[in-house]
Amino acid sequence: MPEASAHPALLGVGDPSPCEVVEAVSDSPFVLLADHAGQRVPTRLDNLGLPQAELDRHIGWDIGIAAVTRLLAEQLGAWAILQRYSRLVIDCNRPPAAPDSVATHSDGTRIPGNAGLDAAALRQRRNEIFDPYHQRIEQELDRRQQSGASPILVAMHSFTPAMAGQARPWHVGVLYQRDSRLAGLLLHTLRGEPGLVVGDNQPYSVSDATDYAIPVHGERRGLLHVELELRQDLVAGRSGQQQWTARLARLLADLPVGLTRP
């Protein structure tokens, strides 16, 4: 049971549930996650005191990744679970105890609506957004494993082409921590694609301190898993989204049969 909050309910009548679920139309082993797919802010939080232009930046969401995730789920016939709320409300790929779980500043922007929050307000964001999203992921993974299936987890993200004045040359990053089985295969196949600059744990790497989905849903369960980071300028528009979807669908579908089936 969620802990009681001293504050009014965070999500009101006009606010959507935290999860968008794309149901599989085949027996695909893949489960796609998009922790930063959305940029919604609960009505009661009044855009966190930010103009919409700030929420439209990379600080508010992973630009382009919602569309790629939906298209990829369609191509693979796979399940996808996408988070609808902005990472600035609560970051669904951070441990709740992490200092930037609810960020007060992001890439030079102050987040007024996150300043001075008490423990009850922070807990409420976890109760109403973070927990329901991850519980829905757990339900789907439990269902599959209890039926004897072996899910393959693919966490979908995108990254800004430049950060802190530094250009990022990678077109795609392949991220992992303790288990590189799937990551190693995708690194090899992506590096075989003409013209791609592929990052090995670049521009980020996975850790227990900074990440949630891969350590909790992938590693703890012993599932095959990988986190993919696509550069945002490559997937901001429909053409790039379709190109990357086609590429990833082909590479994932071509994984060894013994890897993708029980």
Protein backbone atom coordinates (compact mmCIF):
# COMPACT_ATOMS: atom_id res chain seq x y z
CA MET A 1 0.00 0.00 0.00
CA PRO A 2 1.32 3.49 -0.83
CA GLU A 3 2.11 5.61 2.17
CA ALA A 4 -0.45 8.30 3.01
CA SER A 5 0.40 11.83 1.87
CA ALA A 6 -0.27 15.14 3.62
CA HIS A 7 -0.84 16.71 0.19
CA PRO A 8 -3.87 16.55 -2.13
CA ALA A 9 -3.74 13.87 -4.82
CA LEU A 10 -1.07 14.66 -7.39
CA LEU A 11 -2.93 13.30 -10.43
CA GLY A 12 -6.32 14.87 -11.09
CA VAL A 13 -9.26 13.95 -13.29
CA GLY A 14 -7.65 15.31 -16.45
CA ASP A 15 -4.24 13.73 -15.86
CA PRO A 16 -3.44 10.45 -17.63
CA SER A 17 -2.15 7.35 -15.89
CA PRO A 18 1.66 7.09 -15.77
CA CYS A 19 1.85 4.18 -18.22
CA GLU A 20 1.18 3.85 -21.91
CA VAL A 21 1.13 0.17 -22.80
CA VAL A 22 1.52 -1.20 -26.33
CA GLU A 23 0.37 -4.81 -26.22
CA ALA A 24 2.19 -7.46 -28.20
CA VAL A 25 0.57 -8.98 -31.26
CA SER A 26 2.95 -11.93 -31.41
CA ASP A 27 5.02 -14.15 -29.12
CA SER A 28 8.00 -11.78 -29.41
CA PRO A 29 10.34 -12.14 -26.42
CA PHE A 30 11.09 -8.42 -26.39
CA VAL A 31 9.74 -6.02 -23.77
CA LEU A 32 10.57 -2.40 -24.60
CA LEU A 33 10.74 0.27 -21.91
CA ALA A 34 10.80 4.04 -22.34
CA ASP A 35 11.37 5.66 -18.94
CA HIS A 36 11.57 9.20 -20.35
CA ALA A 37 9.05 8.95 -23.19
CA GLY A 38 6.66 11.67 -22.02
CA GLN A 39 6.73 15.30 -21.02
CA ARG A 40 3.41 15.65 -19.22
CA VAL A 41 3.24 17.48 -15.91
CA PRO A 42 0.32 16.96 -13.52
CA THR A 43 -2.06 19.88 -13.81
CA ARG A 44 -1.70 20.68 -10.13
CA LEU A 45 2.06 21.31 -10.59
CA ASP A 46 1.50 24.09 -13.16
CA ASN A 47 4.32 23.02 -15.50
CA LEU A 48 6.71 23.08 -12.52
CA GLY A 49 6.91 26.85 -13.01
CA LEU A 50 8.60 26.38 -16.41
CA PRO A 51 7.66 27.67 -19.86
CA GLN A 52 6.69 24.94 -22.28
CA ALA A 53 9.88 25.56 -24.26
CA GLU A 54 11.92 24.19 -21.35
CA LEU A 55 9.80 21.03 -21.12
CA ASP A 56 10.30 20.61 -24.87
CA ARG A 57 14.08 20.51 -24.39
CA HIS A 58 16.03 17.36 -23.63
CA ILE A 59 15.77 18.13 -19.92
CA GLY A 60 12.02 17.47 -20.05
CA TRP A 61 12.01 14.15 -21.91
CA ASP A 62 13.94 11.91 -24.28
CA ILE A 63 13.17 13.59 -27.59
CA GLY A 64 11.99 11.17 -30.29
CA ILE A 65 12.12 8.03 -28.20
CA ALA A 66 8.39 7.58 -27.69
CA ALA A 67 7.79 7.39 -31.43
CA VAL A 68 10.73 5.03 -32.02
CA THR A 69 9.59 2.76 -29.18
CA ARG A 70 6.02 2.56 -30.50
CA LEU A 71 7.20 1.91 -34.06
CA LEU A 72 9.70 -0.71 -32.91
CA ALA A 73 7.07 -2.49 -30.83
CA GLU A 74 4.85 -2.57 -33.92
CA GLN A 75 7.65 -3.91 -36.12
CA LEU A 76 8.64 -6.63 -33.63
CA GLY A 77 5.12 -7.43 -32.47
CA ALA A 78 6.45 -6.74 -28.98
CA TRP A 79 5.20 -5.26 -25.73
CA ALA A 80 6.20 -1.71 -24.88
CA ILE A 81 5.65 0.21 -21.66
CA LEU A 82 6.17 3.97 -21.87
CA GLN A 83 6.22 6.54 -19.07
CA ARG A 84 4.02 9.56 -19.80
CA TYR A 85 5.30 12.13 -17.30
CA SER A 86 8.32 14.38 -17.60
CA ARG A 87 11.53 13.24 -16.01
CA LEU A 88 11.48 16.59 -14.20
CA VAL A 89 8.41 15.53 -12.19
CA ILE A 90 10.28 12.41 -11.09
CA ASP A 91 12.96 10.54 -12.99
CA CYS A 92 11.72 7.00 -13.53
CA ASN A 93 15.23 5.77 -14.32
CA ARG A 94 16.77 6.94 -11.05
CA PRO A 95 16.65 5.19 -7.70
CA PRO A 96 14.20 7.23 -5.60
CA ALA A 97 16.98 7.97 -3.09
CA ALA A 98 19.24 9.47 -5.79
CA PRO A 99 19.90 13.22 -5.40
CA ASP A 100 18.51 13.94 -8.89
CA SER A 101 15.43 11.76 -8.63
CA VAL A 102 13.49 15.03 -8.48
CA ALA A 103 15.94 17.54 -9.92
CA THR A 104 16.03 21.17 -8.79
CA HIS A 105 18.34 22.12 -11.70
CA SER A 106 18.95 20.52 -15.09
CA ASP A 107 21.46 21.61 -17.75
CA GLY A 108 21.49 25.19 -16.50
CA THR A 109 17.74 25.47 -15.90
CA ARG A 110 16.32 25.96 -12.43
CA ILE A 111 13.12 23.95 -11.79
CA PRO A 112 11.00 26.20 -9.54
CA GLY A 113 8.33 23.57 -8.90
CA ASN A 114 10.91 21.19 -7.42
CA ALA A 115 12.44 23.62 -4.95
CA GLY A 116 11.99 23.02 -1.24
CA LEU A 117 9.84 19.90 -1.49
CA ASP A 118 9.19 18.13 1.79
CA ALA A 119 9.41 14.37 2.28
CA ALA A 120 5.66 13.93 1.82
CA ALA A 121 5.68 15.71 -1.56
CA LEU A 122 8.61 13.62 -2.79
CA ARG A 123 6.95 10.43 -1.58
CA GLN A 124 3.73 11.39 -3.36
CA ARG A 125 5.51 11.68 -6.71
CA ARG A 126 6.94 8.23 -6.16
CA ASN A 127 3.59 6.79 -5.07
CA GLU A 128 1.58 8.19 -7.98
CA ILE A 129 4.04 8.10 -10.89
CA PHE A 130 7.25 6.15 -10.26
CA ASP A 131 5.77 3.13 -8.47
CA PRO A 132 2.79 2.50 -10.79
CA TYR A 133 5.08 2.60 -13.82
CA HIS A 134 7.55 0.11 -12.41
CA GLN A 135 4.81 -2.08 -10.98
CA ARG A 136 3.33 -2.37 -14.48
CA ILE A 137 6.71 -3.48 -15.79
CA GLU A 138 7.00 -6.03 -12.98
CA GLN A 139 3.52 -7.39 -13.74
CA GLU A 140 4.38 -8.01 -17.37
CA LEU A 141 7.74 -9.61 -16.59
CA ASP A 142 6.18 -11.76 -13.84
CA ARG A 143 3.45 -12.91 -16.22
CA ARG A 144 5.96 -13.97 -18.84
CA GLN A 145 8.34 -15.70 -16.47
CA GLN A 146 5.53 -17.55 -14.71
CA SER A 147 4.41 -18.92 -18.09
CA GLY A 148 7.95 -20.17 -18.77
CA ALA A 149 8.91 -17.45 -21.24
CA SER A 150 12.28 -15.68 -21.20
CA PRO A 151 11.72 -11.96 -21.70
CA ILE A 152 14.40 -9.81 -23.29
CA LEU A 153 14.44 -6.28 -21.90
CA VAL A 154 15.35 -3.33 -24.11
CA ALA A 155 15.40 0.06 -22.39
CA MET A 156 15.00 2.84 -24.95
CA HIS A 157 16.52 6.30 -24.43
CA SER A 158 17.81 9.27 -26.41
CA PHE A 159 20.56 11.78 -25.67
CA THR A 160 21.25 15.38 -26.59
CA PRO A 161 23.92 15.95 -29.29
CA ALA A 162 25.86 18.34 -27.02
CA MET A 163 26.13 18.63 -23.26
CA ALA A 164 28.01 21.24 -21.21
CA GLY A 165 29.49 22.62 -24.42
CA GLN A 166 30.87 19.26 -25.53
CA ALA A 167 29.73 17.65 -28.79
CA ARG A 168 28.81 13.98 -28.60
CA PRO A 169 29.94 12.15 -31.73
CA TRP A 170 28.08 8.88 -31.19
CA HIS A 171 25.00 8.08 -33.23
CA VAL A 172 23.96 5.37 -30.79
CA GLY A 173 25.16 4.13 -27.43
CA VAL A 174 24.93 0.58 -26.11
CA LEU A 175 24.76 0.55 -22.31
CA TYR A 176 25.13 -2.22 -19.75
CA GLN A 177 26.62 -2.92 -16.34
CA ARG A 178 27.32 -6.43 -15.04
CA ASP A 179 25.85 -8.46 -17.90
CA SER A 180 27.09 -7.68 -21.41
CA ARG A 181 25.65 -10.70 -23.24
CA LEU A 182 23.10 -8.82 -25.33
CA ALA A 183 25.04 -5.55 -25.34
CA GLY A 184 28.10 -7.29 -26.79
CA LEU A 185 26.10 -8.73 -29.68
CA LEU A 186 24.48 -5.40 -30.48
CA LEU A 187 27.78 -3.55 -30.27
CA HIS A 188 29.18 -5.95 -32.85
CA THR A 189 26.21 -5.72 -35.22
CA LEU A 190 25.79 -1.95 -34.93
CA ARG A 191 29.49 -1.43 -35.64
CA GLY A 192 28.94 -3.40 -38.82
CA GLU A 193 26.44 -0.82 -40.04
CA PRO A 194 27.99 1.64 -42.54
CA GLY A 195 28.79 5.09 -41.20
CA LEU A 196 27.70 4.61 -37.60
CA VAL A 197 29.68 5.83 -34.60
CA VAL A 198 28.71 3.45 -31.80
CA GLY A 199 29.37 4.15 -28.14
CA ASP A 200 30.32 1.35 -25.76
CA ASN A 201 28.79 2.63 -22.50
CA GLN A 202 28.80 6.10 -24.06
CA PRO A 203 27.59 8.78 -23.57
CA TYR A 204 26.51 7.17 -20.29
CA SER A 205 27.10 3.94 -18.42
CA VAL A 206 24.71 2.03 -16.18
CA SER A 207 25.21 1.91 -12.43
CA ASP A 208 23.18 1.04 -9.35
CA ALA A 209 23.53 4.64 -8.13
CA THR A 210 22.29 6.35 -11.30
CA ASP A 211 19.95 3.85 -12.99
CA TYR A 212 16.90 1.84 -12.06
CA ALA A 213 15.41 -0.14 -14.96
CA ILE A 214 18.44 -2.20 -15.95
CA PRO A 215 19.72 -3.03 -12.42
CA VAL A 216 16.25 -3.80 -11.04
CA HIS A 217 14.25 -5.29 -13.93
CA GLY A 218 17.13 -6.74 -15.92
CA GLU A 219 20.00 -7.74 -13.65
CA ARG A 220 18.07 -8.82 -10.57
CA ARG A 221 15.90 -11.12 -12.67
CA GLY A 222 18.81 -12.45 -14.69
CA LEU A 223 17.14 -11.42 -17.95
CA LEU A 224 18.91 -10.65 -21.17
CA HIS A 225 18.87 -6.88 -21.38
CA VAL A 226 20.39 -3.79 -22.92
CA GLU A 227 19.91 -0.03 -22.80
CA LEU A 228 20.02 1.79 -26.12
CA GLU A 229 20.68 5.53 -26.44
CA LEU A 230 19.86 7.23 -29.77
CA ARG A 231 21.13 10.72 -30.52
CA GLN A 232 18.20 13.09 -30.50
CA ASP A 233 18.93 14.98 -33.70
CA LEU A 234 18.73 11.64 -35.54
CA VAL A 235 15.27 10.73 -34.21
CA ALA A 236 13.58 14.11 -33.72
CA GLY A 237 11.68 13.78 -37.02
CA ARG A 238 9.56 11.06 -38.57
CA SER A 239 12.08 10.06 -41.23
CA GLY A 240 14.86 9.45 -38.70
CA GLN A 241 12.48 7.64 -36.38
CA GLN A 242 11.48 5.28 -39.18
CA GLN A 243 15.09 4.71 -40.25
CA TRP A 244 16.22 3.83 -36.74
CA THR A 245 13.17 1.66 -36.17
CA ALA A 246 13.90 -0.32 -39.32
CA ARG A 247 17.56 -0.74 -38.36
CA LEU A 248 16.88 -1.84 -34.78
CA ALA A 249 14.03 -4.14 -35.80
CA ARG A 250 16.30 -5.87 -38.30
CA LEU A 251 19.20 -6.26 -35.88
CA LEU A 252 17.06 -7.47 -32.98
CA ALA A 253 15.14 -9.91 -35.20
CA ASP A 254 18.45 -11.30 -36.48
CA LEU A 255 19.77 -12.21 -33.02
CA PRO A 256 20.62 -15.91 -32.69
CA VAL A 257 17.46 -18.01 -32.31
CA GLY A 258 18.81 -19.70 -29.20
CA LEU A 259 19.19 -16.28 -27.59
CA THR A 260 15.68 -15.06 -28.27
CA ARG A 261 13.73 -18.21 -27.46
CA PRO A 262 13.56 -20.36 -24.29
